[in-house]
Amino acid sequence: MKRVDKLGPIFLSFALIIAIKSAAQQQTSGQQNTDTHQTEHGSQADDQRDFEGTIVKTKIGATFLLMDYQHHTAYFLDDHDIERMKRFDGKKVVVTGTLDPLSNTIMVSTIKSSG
């Protein structure tokens, strides 16, 4: 397994993204939007797709990222099964889920090893 040594600048960038994401969530938390509710709980299966990359645990709490080095992209992973995420830490995987483009977060349905 390769060790990823140059993630410092990426983690700093994601700390900023987390702060922005948190502010956006606080701003919209008081609003009731039935379209958003339907999207979150209704037709997610239609929007699901596969994302390939390496799972990386950040130093910010129990936050995990999917690092897609091929496309120079990183995604936050929204998965409440922390033990499952820990098992895949540092491994190449295929994550199936729905992408929230505003927060660059994948709502994870499944994770499987890709290599």
PDB file of N, CA and C in Angstrom:
ATOM      1  N   MET A   1       0.843  -1.175   0.000  1.00  0.00           N
ATOM      2  CA  MET A   1       0.000   0.000   0.000  1.00  0.00           C
ATOM      3  C   MET A   1       0.887   1.236   0.000  1.00  0.00           C
ATOM      4  N   LYS A   2       0.590   2.175  -0.893  1.00  0.00           N
ATOM      5  CA  LYS A   2       1.356   3.412  -0.967  1.00  0.00           C
ATOM      6  C   LYS A   2       0.938   4.359   0.138  1.00  0.00           C
ATOM      7  N   ARG A   3       1.897   5.045   0.693  1.00  0.00           N
ATOM      8  CA  ARG A   3       1.610   6.045   1.718  1.00  0.00           C
ATOM      9  C   ARG A   3       1.469   7.392   1.031  1.00  0.00           C
ATOM     10  N   VAL A   4       0.413   8.110   1.387  1.00  0.00           N
ATOM     11  CA  VAL A   4       0.168   9.411   0.778  1.00  0.00           C
ATOM     12  C   VAL A   4       0.755  10.459   1.705  1.00  0.00           C
ATOM     13  N   ASP A   5       1.845  11.138   1.250  1.00  0.00           N
ATOM     14  CA  ASP A   5       2.561  12.077   2.102  1.00  0.00           C
ATOM     15  C   ASP A   5       2.239  13.536   1.838  1.00  0.00           C
ATOM     16  N   LYS A   6       1.704  13.868   0.709  1.00  0.00           N
ATOM     17  CA  LYS A   6       1.541  15.270   0.339  1.00  0.00           C
ATOM     18  C   LYS A   6       0.099  15.728   0.441  1.00  0.00           C
ATOM     19  N   LEU A   7      -0.610  15.313   1.468  1.00  0.00           N
ATOM     20  CA  LEU A   7      -2.018  15.673   1.613  1.00  0.00           C
ATOM     21  C   LEU A   7      -2.232  16.909   2.472  1.00  0.00           C
ATOM     22  N   GLY A   8      -1.181  17.470   3.072  1.00  0.00           N
ATOM     23  CA  GLY A   8      -1.330  18.639   3.940  1.00  0.00           C
ATOM     24  C   GLY A   8      -2.104  19.768   3.296  1.00  0.00           C
ATOM     25  N   PRO A   9      -1.709  20.231   2.100  1.00  0.00           N
ATOM     26  CA  PRO A   9      -2.455  21.315   1.454  1.00  0.00           C
ATOM     27  C   PRO A   9      -3.892  20.926   1.122  1.00  0.00           C
ATOM     28  N   ILE A  10      -4.113  19.675   0.784  1.00  0.00           N
ATOM     29  CA  ILE A  10      -5.473  19.219   0.483  1.00  0.00           C
ATOM     30  C   ILE A  10      -6.326  19.274   1.737  1.00  0.00           C
ATOM     31  N   PHE A  11      -5.778  18.825   2.876  1.00  0.00           N
ATOM     32  CA  PHE A  11      -6.538  18.858   4.124  1.00  0.00           C
ATOM     33  C   PHE A  11      -6.880  20.286   4.516  1.00  0.00           C
ATOM     34  N   LEU A  12      -5.960  21.222   4.297  1.00  0.00           N
ATOM     35  CA  LEU A  12      -6.259  22.620   4.596  1.00  0.00           C
ATOM     36  C   LEU A  12      -7.384  23.134   3.714  1.00  0.00           C
ATOM     37  N   SER A  13      -7.366  22.763   2.456  1.00  0.00           N
ATOM     38  CA  SER A  13      -8.437  23.163   1.544  1.00  0.00           C
ATOM     39  C   SER A  13      -9.768  22.595   2.001  1.00  0.00           C
ATOM     40  N   PHE A  14      -9.758  21.345   2.441  1.00  0.00           N
ATOM     41  CA  PHE A  14     -11.006  20.738   2.866  1.00  0.00           C
ATOM     42  C   PHE A  14     -11.489  21.283   4.202  1.00  0.00           C
ATOM     43  N   ALA A  15     -10.584  21.757   5.036  1.00  0.00           N
ATOM     44  CA  ALA A  15     -11.017  22.415   6.272  1.00  0.00           C
ATOM     45  C   ALA A  15     -11.820  23.660   5.928  1.00  0.00           C
ATOM     46  N   LEU A  16     -11.385  24.382   4.917  1.00  0.00           N
ATOM     47  CA  LEU A  16     -12.117  25.554   4.455  1.00  0.00           C
ATOM     48  C   LEU A  16     -13.462  25.151   3.872  1.00  0.00           C
ATOM     49  N   ILE A  17     -13.484  24.077   3.095  1.00  0.00           N
ATOM     50  CA  ILE A  17     -14.737  23.595   2.520  1.00  0.00           C
ATOM     51  C   ILE A  17     -15.706  23.181   3.612  1.00  0.00           C
ATOM     52  N   ILE A  18     -15.199  22.515   4.650  1.00  0.00           N
ATOM     53  CA  ILE A  18     -16.058  22.110   5.768  1.00  0.00           C
ATOM     54  C   ILE A  18     -16.668  23.336   6.428  1.00  0.00           C
ATOM     55  N   ALA A  19     -15.885  24.377   6.614  1.00  0.00           N
ATOM     56  CA  ALA A  19     -16.401  25.597   7.225  1.00  0.00           C
ATOM     57  C   ALA A  19     -17.493  26.211   6.355  1.00  0.00           C
ATOM     58  N   ILE A  20     -17.288  26.235   5.054  1.00  0.00           N
ATOM     59  CA  ILE A  20     -18.288  26.775   4.136  1.00  0.00           C
ATOM     60  C   ILE A  20     -19.539  25.908   4.142  1.00  0.00           C
ATOM     61  N   LYS A  21     -19.344  24.598   4.135  1.00  0.00           N
ATOM     62  CA  LYS A  21     -20.464  23.667   4.159  1.00  0.00           C
ATOM     63  C   LYS A  21     -21.282  23.849   5.429  1.00  0.00           C
ATOM     64  N   SER A  22     -20.614  23.984   6.551  1.00  0.00           N
ATOM     65  CA  SER A  22     -21.297  24.179   7.825  1.00  0.00           C
ATOM     66  C   SER A  22     -22.100  25.472   7.821  1.00  0.00           C
ATOM     67  N   ALA A  23     -21.520  26.543   7.293  1.00  0.00           N
ATOM     68  CA  ALA A  23     -22.232  27.823   7.227  1.00  0.00           C
ATOM     69  C   ALA A  23     -23.446  27.720   6.323  1.00  0.00           C
ATOM     70  N   ALA A  24     -23.321  27.018   5.203  1.00  0.00           N
ATOM     71  CA  ALA A  24     -24.445  26.857   4.284  1.00  0.00           C
ATOM     72  C   ALA A  24     -25.562  26.042   4.926  1.00  0.00           C
ATOM     73  N   GLN A  25     -25.202  25.004   5.683  1.00  0.00           N
ATOM     74  CA  GLN A  25     -26.207  24.186   6.349  1.00  0.00           C
ATOM     75  C   GLN A  25     -26.941  24.991   7.420  1.00  0.00           C
ATOM     76  N   GLN A  26     -26.213  25.831   8.150  1.00  0.00           N
ATOM     77  CA  GLN A  26     -26.848  26.654   9.167  1.00  0.00           C
ATOM     78  C   GLN A  26     -27.797  27.655   8.530  1.00  0.00           C
ATOM     79  N   GLN A  27     -27.424  28.187   7.382  1.00  0.00           N
ATOM     80  CA  GLN A  27     -28.241  29.175   6.704  1.00  0.00           C
ATOM     81  C   GLN A  27     -29.549  28.557   6.216  1.00  0.00           C
ATOM     82  N   THR A  28     -29.502  27.314   5.748  1.00  0.00           N
ATOM     83  CA  THR A  28     -30.701  26.684   5.198  1.00  0.00           C
ATOM     84  C   THR A  28     -31.428  25.802   6.197  1.00  0.00           C
ATOM     85  N   SER A  29     -30.916  25.650   7.405  1.00  0.00           N
ATOM     86  CA  SER A  29     -31.528  24.726   8.356  1.00  0.00           C
ATOM     87  C   SER A  29     -32.923  25.144   8.772  1.00  0.00           C
ATOM     88  N   GLY A  30     -33.218  26.417   8.762  1.00  0.00           N
ATOM     89  CA  GLY A  30     -34.540  26.884   9.163  1.00  0.00           C
ATOM     90  C   GLY A  30     -35.564  26.828   8.052  1.00  0.00           C
ATOM     91  N   GLN A  31     -35.134  26.600   6.836  1.00  0.00           N
ATOM     92  CA  GLN A  31     -36.049  26.603   5.701  1.00  0.00           C
ATOM     93  C   GLN A  31     -36.619  25.217   5.469  1.00  0.00           C
ATOM     94  N   GLN A  32     -37.933  25.158   5.178  1.00  0.00           N
ATOM     95  CA  GLN A  32     -38.580  23.898   4.834  1.00  0.00           C
ATOM     96  C   GLN A  32     -38.794  23.888   3.334  1.00  0.00           C
ATOM     97  N   ASN A  33     -38.238  22.907   2.647  1.00  0.00           N
ATOM     98  CA  ASN A  33     -38.370  22.827   1.204  1.00  0.00           C
ATOM     99  C   ASN A  33     -38.778  21.411   0.847  1.00  0.00           C
ATOM    100  N   THR A  34     -40.000  21.229   0.358  1.00  0.00           N
ATOM    101  CA  THR A  34     -40.480  19.883   0.070  1.00  0.00           C
ATOM    102  C   THR A  34     -39.720  19.250  -1.084  1.00  0.00           C
ATOM    103  N   ASP A  35     -39.246  20.044  -2.057  1.00  0.00           N
ATOM    104  CA  ASP A  35     -38.470  19.484  -3.157  1.00  0.00           C
ATOM    105  C   ASP A  35     -37.174  18.877  -2.643  1.00  0.00           C
ATOM    106  N   THR A  36     -36.480  19.580  -1.723  1.00  0.00           N
ATOM    107  CA  THR A  36     -35.247  19.056  -1.144  1.00  0.00           C
ATOM    108  C   THR A  36     -35.533  17.778  -0.375  1.00  0.00           C
ATOM    109  N   HIS A  37     -36.598  17.780   0.408  1.00  0.00           N
ATOM    110  CA  HIS A  37     -36.955  16.595   1.192  1.00  0.00           C
ATOM    111  C   HIS A  37     -37.206  15.413   0.265  1.00  0.00           C
ATOM    112  N   GLN A  38     -37.920  15.653  -0.830  1.00  0.00           N
ATOM    113  CA  GLN A  38     -38.208  14.577  -1.756  1.00  0.00           C
ATOM    114  C   GLN A  38     -36.933  14.063  -2.403  1.00  0.00           C
ATOM    115  N   THR A  39     -36.021  14.950  -2.749  1.00  0.00           N
ATOM    116  CA  THR A  39     -34.763  14.532  -3.357  1.00  0.00           C
ATOM    117  C   THR A  39     -33.938  13.710  -2.380  1.00  0.00           C
ATOM    118  N   GLU A  40     -33.896  14.142  -1.119  1.00  0.00           N
ATOM    119  CA  GLU A  40     -33.092  13.433  -0.131  1.00  0.00           C
ATOM    120  C   GLU A  40     -33.652  12.057   0.174  1.00  0.00           C
ATOM    121  N   HIS A  41     -34.981  11.912   0.167  1.00  0.00           N
ATOM    122  CA  HIS A  41     -35.560  10.654   0.627  1.00  0.00           C
ATOM    123  C   HIS A  41     -36.357   9.932  -0.448  1.00  0.00           C
ATOM    124  N   GLY A  42     -36.532  10.559  -1.611  1.00  0.00           N
ATOM    125  CA  GLY A  42     -37.387   9.975  -2.631  1.00  0.00           C
ATOM    126  C   GLY A  42     -36.627   9.206  -3.670  1.00  0.00           C
ATOM    127  N   SER A  43     -36.094   9.870  -4.670  1.00  0.00           N
ATOM    128  CA  SER A  43     -35.570   9.200  -5.849  1.00  0.00           C
ATOM    129  C   SER A  43     -34.047   9.143  -5.858  1.00  0.00           C
ATOM    130  N   GLN A  44     -33.425   8.857  -4.736  1.00  0.00           N
ATOM    131  CA  GLN A  44     -31.968   8.798  -4.694  1.00  0.00           C
ATOM    132  C   GLN A  44     -31.413   7.687  -5.572  1.00  0.00           C
ATOM    133  N   ALA A  45     -32.124   6.570  -5.675  1.00  0.00           N
ATOM    134  CA  ALA A  45     -31.608   5.444  -6.442  1.00  0.00           C
ATOM    135  C   ALA A  45     -31.362   5.834  -7.888  1.00  0.00           C
ATOM    136  N   ASP A  46     -32.179   6.754  -8.427  1.00  0.00           N
ATOM    137  CA  ASP A  46     -32.007   7.192  -9.810  1.00  0.00           C
ATOM    138  C   ASP A  46     -30.738   8.012  -9.992  1.00  0.00           C
ATOM    139  N   ASP A  47     -30.289   8.695  -8.950  1.00  0.00           N
ATOM    140  CA  ASP A  47     -29.145   9.586  -9.043  1.00  0.00           C
ATOM    141  C   ASP A  47     -27.840   8.916  -8.625  1.00  0.00           C
ATOM    142  N   GLN A  48     -27.887   7.668  -8.233  1.00  0.00           N
ATOM    143  CA  GLN A  48     -26.680   7.014  -7.740  1.00  0.00           C
ATOM    144  C   GLN A  48     -25.738   6.680  -8.882  1.00  0.00           C
ATOM    145  N   ARG A  49     -24.454   6.774  -8.565  1.00  0.00           N
ATOM    146  CA  ARG A  49     -23.422   6.394  -9.534  1.00  0.00           C
ATOM    147  C   ARG A  49     -22.201   5.910  -8.784  1.00  0.00           C
ATOM    148  N   ASP A  50     -21.228   5.402  -9.518  1.00  0.00           N
ATOM    149  CA  ASP A  50     -19.994   4.882  -8.928  1.00  0.00           C
ATOM    150  C   ASP A  50     -18.903   5.941  -8.973  1.00  0.00           C
ATOM    151  N   PHE A  51     -18.112   5.986  -7.900  1.00  0.00           N
ATOM    152  CA  PHE A  51     -16.963   6.870  -7.789  1.00  0.00           C
ATOM    153  C   PHE A  51     -15.783   6.003  -7.395  1.00  0.00           C
ATOM    154  N   GLU A  52     -14.654   6.137  -8.086  1.00  0.00           N
ATOM    155  CA  GLU A  52     -13.468   5.345  -7.770  1.00  0.00           C
ATOM    156  C   GLU A  52     -12.403   6.228  -7.148  1.00  0.00           C
ATOM    157  N   GLY A  53     -11.674   5.663  -6.192  1.00  0.00           N
ATOM    158  CA  GLY A  53     -10.595   6.404  -5.570  1.00  0.00           C
ATOM    159  C   GLY A  53     -10.074   5.679  -4.341  1.00  0.00           C
ATOM    160  N   THR A  54      -9.399   6.431  -3.484  1.00  0.00           N
ATOM    161  CA  THR A  54      -8.808   5.895  -2.265  1.00  0.00           C
ATOM    162  C   THR A  54      -9.452   6.574  -1.067  1.00  0.00           C
ATOM    163  N   ILE A  55      -9.870   5.788  -0.085  1.00  0.00           N
ATOM    164  CA  ILE A  55     -10.453   6.328   1.139  1.00  0.00           C
ATOM    165  C   ILE A  55      -9.326   6.869   2.007  1.00  0.00           C
ATOM    166  N   VAL A  56      -9.489   8.095   2.507  1.00  0.00           N
ATOM    167  CA  VAL A  56      -8.493   8.727   3.367  1.00  0.00           C
ATOM    168  C   VAL A  56      -9.214   9.343   4.557  1.00  0.00           C
ATOM    169  N   LYS A  57      -8.743   9.022   5.762  1.00  0.00           N
ATOM    170  CA  LYS A  57      -9.314   9.616   6.973  1.00  0.00           C
ATOM    171  C   LYS A  57      -8.646  10.955   7.215  1.00  0.00           C
ATOM    172  N   THR A  58      -9.451  11.979   7.460  1.00  0.00           N
ATOM    173  CA  THR A  58      -8.891  13.293   7.742  1.00  0.00           C
ATOM    174  C   THR A  58      -8.580  13.402   9.229  1.00  0.00           C
ATOM    175  N   LYS A  59      -7.923  14.465   9.595  1.00  0.00           N
ATOM    176  CA  LYS A  59      -7.628  14.706  11.001  1.00  0.00           C
ATOM    177  C   LYS A  59      -8.730  15.521  11.656  1.00  0.00           C
ATOM    178  N   ILE A  60      -9.793  15.753  10.913  1.00  0.00           N
ATOM    179  CA  ILE A  60     -10.927  16.525  11.427  1.00  0.00           C
ATOM    180  C   ILE A  60     -12.004  15.543  11.857  1.00  0.00           C
ATOM    181  N   GLY A  61     -12.012  15.165  13.106  1.00  0.00           N
ATOM    182  CA  GLY A  61     -13.020  14.241  13.611  1.00  0.00           C
ATOM    183  C   GLY A  61     -12.979  12.911  12.900  1.00  0.00           C
ATOM    184  N   ALA A  62     -14.169  12.365  12.642  1.00  0.00           N
ATOM    185  CA  ALA A  62     -14.284  11.073  11.968  1.00  0.00           C
ATOM    186  C   ALA A  62     -14.697  11.289  10.521  1.00  0.00           C
ATOM    187  N   THR A  63     -14.055  12.227   9.848  1.00  0.00           N
ATOM    188  CA  THR A  63     -14.385  12.555   8.476  1.00  0.00           C
ATOM    189  C   THR A  63     -13.496  11.762   7.528  1.00  0.00           C
ATOM    190  N   PHE A  64     -14.116  11.212   6.507  1.00  0.00           N
ATOM    191  CA  PHE A  64     -13.384  10.454   5.498  1.00  0.00           C
ATOM    192  C   PHE A  64     -13.580  11.103   4.139  1.00  0.00           C
ATOM    193  N   LEU A  65     -12.552  11.006   3.306  1.00  0.00           N
ATOM    194  CA  LEU A  65     -12.599  11.531   1.950  1.00  0.00           C
ATOM    195  C   LEU A  65     -12.395  10.391   0.970  1.00  0.00           C
ATOM    196  N   LEU A  66     -12.933  10.567  -0.219  1.00  0.00           N
ATOM    197  CA  LEU A  66     -12.597   9.702  -1.337  1.00  0.00           C
ATOM    198  C   LEU A  66     -11.704  10.526  -2.242  1.00  0.00           C
ATOM    199  N   MET A  67     -10.440  10.149  -2.329  1.00  0.00           N
ATOM    200  CA  MET A  67      -9.468  10.862  -3.150  1.00  0.00           C
ATOM    201  C   MET A  67      -9.430  10.206  -4.532  1.00  0.00           C
ATOM    202  N   ASP A  68      -9.839  10.962  -5.540  1.00  0.00           N
ATOM    203  CA  ASP A  68      -9.796  10.502  -6.923  1.00  0.00           C
ATOM    204  C   ASP A  68      -8.590  11.168  -7.572  1.00  0.00           C
ATOM    205  N   TYR A  69      -7.444  10.507  -7.501  1.00  0.00           N
ATOM    206  CA  TYR A  69      -6.194  11.072  -7.996  1.00  0.00           C
ATOM    207  C   TYR A  69      -6.188  11.194  -9.522  1.00  0.00           C
ATOM    208  N   GLN A  70      -6.926  10.319 -10.195  1.00  0.00           N
ATOM    209  CA  GLN A  70      -6.967  10.361 -11.654  1.00  0.00           C
ATOM    210  C   GLN A  70      -7.599  11.666 -12.147  1.00  0.00           C
ATOM    211  N   HIS A  71      -8.650  12.136 -11.455  1.00  0.00           N
ATOM    212  CA  HIS A  71      -9.351  13.352 -11.866  1.00  0.00           C
ATOM    213  C   HIS A  71      -9.028  14.540 -10.961  1.00  0.00           C
ATOM    214  N   HIS A  72      -8.064  14.373 -10.058  1.00  0.00           N
ATOM    215  CA  HIS A  72      -7.642  15.437  -9.138  1.00  0.00           C
ATOM    216  C   HIS A  72      -8.830  16.018  -8.373  1.00  0.00           C
ATOM    217  N   THR A  73      -9.630  15.115  -7.801  1.00  0.00           N
ATOM    218  CA  THR A  73     -10.840  15.495  -7.085  1.00  0.00           C
ATOM    219  C   THR A  73     -10.903  14.736  -5.773  1.00  0.00           C
ATOM    220  N   ALA A  74     -11.486  15.375  -4.787  1.00  0.00           N
ATOM    221  CA  ALA A  74     -11.729  14.715  -3.508  1.00  0.00           C
ATOM    222  C   ALA A  74     -13.181  14.956  -3.127  1.00  0.00           C
ATOM    223  N   TYR A  75     -13.792  13.945  -2.547  1.00  0.00           N
ATOM    224  CA  TYR A  75     -15.189  14.018  -2.122  1.00  0.00           C
ATOM    225  C   TYR A  75     -15.279  13.711  -0.632  1.00  0.00           C
ATOM    226  N   PHE A  76     -16.124  14.432   0.070  1.00  0.00           N
ATOM    227  CA  PHE A  76     -16.462  14.044   1.428  1.00  0.00           C
ATOM    228  C   PHE A  76     -17.367  12.832   1.338  1.00  0.00           C
ATOM    229  N   LEU A  77     -17.287  11.955   2.339  1.00  0.00           N
ATOM    230  CA  LEU A  77     -18.139  10.775   2.363  1.00  0.00           C
ATOM    231  C   LEU A  77     -19.110  10.870   3.528  1.00  0.00           C
ATOM    232  N   ASP A  78     -20.387  10.787   3.224  1.00  0.00           N
ATOM    233  CA  ASP A  78     -21.433  10.809   4.240  1.00  0.00           C
ATOM    234  C   ASP A  78     -21.853   9.367   4.491  1.00  0.00           C
ATOM    235  N   ASP A  79     -21.244   8.770   5.484  1.00  0.00           N
ATOM    236  CA  ASP A  79     -21.534   7.381   5.844  1.00  0.00           C
ATOM    237  C   ASP A  79     -21.445   7.282   7.353  1.00  0.00           C
ATOM    238  N   HIS A  80     -22.519   6.850   7.966  1.00  0.00           N
ATOM    239  CA  HIS A  80     -22.560   6.801   9.426  1.00  0.00           C
ATOM    240  C   HIS A  80     -21.956   5.518   9.993  1.00  0.00           C
ATOM    241  N   ASP A  81     -21.543   4.594   9.135  1.00  0.00           N
ATOM    242  CA  ASP A  81     -20.903   3.358   9.581  1.00  0.00           C
ATOM    243  C   ASP A  81     -19.390   3.591   9.644  1.00  0.00           C
ATOM    244  N   ILE A  82     -18.944   4.188  10.744  1.00  0.00           N
ATOM    245  CA  ILE A  82     -17.538   4.555  10.910  1.00  0.00           C
ATOM    246  C   ILE A  82     -16.630   3.324  10.855  1.00  0.00           C
ATOM    247  N   GLU A  83     -17.078   2.218  11.410  1.00  0.00           N
ATOM    248  CA  GLU A  83     -16.248   1.003  11.391  1.00  0.00           C
ATOM    249  C   GLU A  83     -16.008   0.532   9.965  1.00  0.00           C
ATOM    250  N   ARG A  84     -17.030   0.614   9.122  1.00  0.00           N
ATOM    251  CA  ARG A  84     -16.855   0.235   7.717  1.00  0.00           C
ATOM    252  C   ARG A  84     -15.854   1.169   7.047  1.00  0.00           C
ATOM    253  N   MET A  85     -15.973   2.462   7.334  1.00  0.00           N
ATOM    254  CA  MET A  85     -15.053   3.423   6.737  1.00  0.00           C
ATOM    255  C   MET A  85     -13.620   3.156   7.174  1.00  0.00           C
ATOM    256  N   LYS A  86     -13.424   2.820   8.440  1.00  0.00           N
ATOM    257  CA  LYS A  86     -12.079   2.531   8.948  1.00  0.00           C
ATOM    258  C   LYS A  86     -11.468   1.321   8.242  1.00  0.00           C
ATOM    259  N   ARG A  87     -12.284   0.320   7.936  1.00  0.00           N
ATOM    260  CA  ARG A  87     -11.778  -0.885   7.258  1.00  0.00           C
ATOM    261  C   ARG A  87     -11.240  -0.561   5.867  1.00  0.00           C
ATOM    262  N   PHE A  88     -11.792   0.470   5.229  1.00  0.00           N
ATOM    263  CA  PHE A  88     -11.371   0.828   3.876  1.00  0.00           C
ATOM    264  C   PHE A  88     -10.346   1.949   3.853  1.00  0.00           C
ATOM    265  N   ASP A  89      -9.953   2.463   5.008  1.00  0.00           N
ATOM    266  CA  ASP A  89      -9.002   3.579   5.071  1.00  0.00           C
ATOM    267  C   ASP A  89      -7.699   3.207   4.369  1.00  0.00           C
ATOM    268  N   GLY A  90      -7.288   4.028   3.389  1.00  0.00           N
ATOM    269  CA  GLY A  90      -6.051   3.802   2.653  1.00  0.00           C
ATOM    270  C   GLY A  90      -6.167   2.838   1.496  1.00  0.00           C
ATOM    271  N   LYS A  91      -7.373   2.332   1.231  1.00  0.00           N
ATOM    272  CA  LYS A  91      -7.550   1.335   0.175  1.00  0.00           C
ATOM    273  C   LYS A  91      -8.269   1.926  -1.028  1.00  0.00           C
ATOM    274  N   LYS A  92      -7.977   1.364  -2.195  1.00  0.00           N
ATOM    275  CA  LYS A  92      -8.677   1.741  -3.417  1.00  0.00           C
ATOM    276  C   LYS A  92     -10.050   1.078  -3.408  1.00  0.00           C
ATOM    277  N   VAL A  93     -11.071   1.886  -3.699  1.00  0.00           N
ATOM    278  CA  VAL A  93     -12.441   1.402  -3.611  1.00  0.00           C
ATOM    279  C   VAL A  93     -13.297   1.959  -4.747  1.00  0.00           C
ATOM    280  N   VAL A  94     -14.480   1.391  -4.855  1.00  0.00           N
ATOM    281  CA  VAL A  94     -15.554   1.945  -5.665  1.00  0.00           C
ATOM    282  C   VAL A  94     -16.686   2.250  -4.691  1.00  0.00           C
ATOM    283  N   VAL A  95     -17.067   3.517  -4.631  1.00  0.00           N
ATOM    284  CA  VAL A  95     -18.155   3.957  -3.769  1.00  0.00           C
ATOM    285  C   VAL A  95     -19.370   4.213  -4.648  1.00  0.00           C
ATOM    286  N   THR A  96     -20.492   3.603  -4.286  1.00  0.00           N
ATOM    287  CA  THR A  96     -21.743   3.867  -4.975  1.00  0.00           C
ATOM    288  C   THR A  96     -22.569   4.767  -4.081  1.00  0.00           C
ATOM    289  N   GLY A  97     -23.058   5.865  -4.655  1.00  0.00           N
ATOM    290  CA  GLY A  97     -23.857   6.785  -3.870  1.00  0.00           C
ATOM    291  C   GLY A  97     -24.345   7.955  -4.693  1.00  0.00           C
ATOM    292  N   THR A  98     -24.938   8.915  -3.990  1.00  0.00           N
ATOM    293  CA  THR A  98     -25.493  10.106  -4.618  1.00  0.00           C
ATOM    294  C   THR A  98     -24.629  11.297  -4.254  1.00  0.00           C
ATOM    295  N   LEU A  99     -24.244  12.081  -5.249  1.00  0.00           N
ATOM    296  CA  LEU A  99     -23.384  13.241  -5.033  1.00  0.00           C
ATOM    297  C   LEU A  99     -24.217  14.486  -4.777  1.00  0.00           C
ATOM    298  N   ASP A 100     -23.892  15.189  -3.700  1.00  0.00           N
ATOM    299  CA  ASP A 100     -24.433  16.520  -3.444  1.00  0.00           C
ATOM    300  C   ASP A 100     -23.393  17.492  -3.988  1.00  0.00           C
ATOM    301  N   PRO A 101     -23.654  18.103  -5.145  1.00  0.00           N
ATOM    302  CA  PRO A 101     -22.634  18.944  -5.771  1.00  0.00           C
ATOM    303  C   PRO A 101     -22.341  20.232  -5.002  1.00  0.00           C
ATOM    304  N   LEU A 102     -23.275  20.691  -4.181  1.00  0.00           N
ATOM    305  CA  LEU A 102     -23.041  21.919  -3.421  1.00  0.00           C
ATOM    306  C   LEU A 102     -21.979  21.731  -2.345  1.00  0.00           C
ATOM    307  N   SER A 103     -21.976  20.574  -1.705  1.00  0.00           N
ATOM    308  CA  SER A 103     -21.009  20.322  -0.643  1.00  0.00           C
ATOM    309  C   SER A 103     -19.917  19.344  -1.070  1.00  0.00           C
ATOM    310  N   ASN A 104     -20.015  18.829  -2.309  1.00  0.00           N
ATOM    311  CA  ASN A 104     -19.064  17.850  -2.817  1.00  0.00           C
ATOM    312  C   ASN A 104     -19.008  16.618  -1.908  1.00  0.00           C
ATOM    313  N   THR A 105     -20.204  16.187  -1.468  1.00  0.00           N
ATOM    314  CA  THR A 105     -20.334  15.061  -0.548  1.00  0.00           C
ATOM    315  C   THR A 105     -21.089  13.930  -1.223  1.00  0.00           C
ATOM    316  N   ILE A 106     -20.561  12.713  -1.070  1.00  0.00           N
ATOM    317  CA  ILE A 106     -21.239  11.521  -1.573  1.00  0.00           C
ATOM    318  C   ILE A 106     -22.014  10.891  -0.425  1.00  0.00           C
ATOM    319  N   MET A 107     -23.333  10.728  -0.598  1.00  0.00           N
ATOM    320  CA  MET A 107     -24.142   9.967   0.343  1.00  0.00           C
ATOM    321  C   MET A 107     -23.961   8.495  -0.032  1.00  0.00           C
ATOM    322  N   VAL A 108     -23.214   7.793   0.773  1.00  0.00           N
ATOM    323  CA  VAL A 108     -22.736   6.449   0.456  1.00  0.00           C
ATOM    324  C   VAL A 108     -23.840   5.409   0.602  1.00  0.00           C
ATOM    325  N   SER A 109     -23.977   4.569  -0.435  1.00  0.00           N
ATOM    326  CA  SER A 109     -24.846   3.396  -0.371  1.00  0.00           C
ATOM    327  C   SER A 109     -24.015   2.140  -0.150  1.00  0.00           C
ATOM    328  N   THR A 110     -22.977   1.965  -0.996  1.00  0.00           N
ATOM    329  CA  THR A 110     -22.105   0.802  -0.860  1.00  0.00           C
ATOM    330  C   THR A 110     -20.657   1.194  -1.106  1.00  0.00           C
ATOM    331  N   ILE A 111     -19.774   0.388  -0.552  1.00  0.00           N
ATOM    332  CA  ILE A 111     -18.333   0.526  -0.778  1.00  0.00           C
ATOM    333  C   ILE A 111     -17.787  -0.871  -1.037  1.00  0.00           C
ATOM    334  N   LYS A 112     -16.954  -0.983  -2.083  1.00  0.00           N
ATOM    335  CA  LYS A 112     -16.305  -2.282  -2.323  1.00  0.00           C
ATOM    336  C   LYS A 112     -14.881  -2.030  -2.793  1.00  0.00           C
ATOM    337  N   SER A 113     -13.997  -2.949  -2.480  1.00  0.00           N
ATOM    338  CA  SER A 113     -12.602  -2.847  -2.899  1.00  0.00           C
ATOM    339  C   SER A 113     -12.507  -2.917  -4.416  1.00  0.00           C
ATOM    340  N   SER A 114     -11.571  -2.138  -4.958  1.00  0.00           N
ATOM    341  CA  SER A 114     -11.399  -2.162  -6.415  1.00  0.00           C
ATOM    342  C   SER A 114     -10.043  -2.733  -6.815  1.00  0.00           C
ATOM    343  N   GLY A 115      -9.268  -3.130  -5.872  1.00  0.00           N
ATOM    344  CA  GLY A 115      -7.955  -3.620  -6.263  1.00  0.00           C
ATOM    345  C   GLY A 115      -7.346  -4.536  -5.337  1.00  0.00           C
TER     346      GLY A 115
END
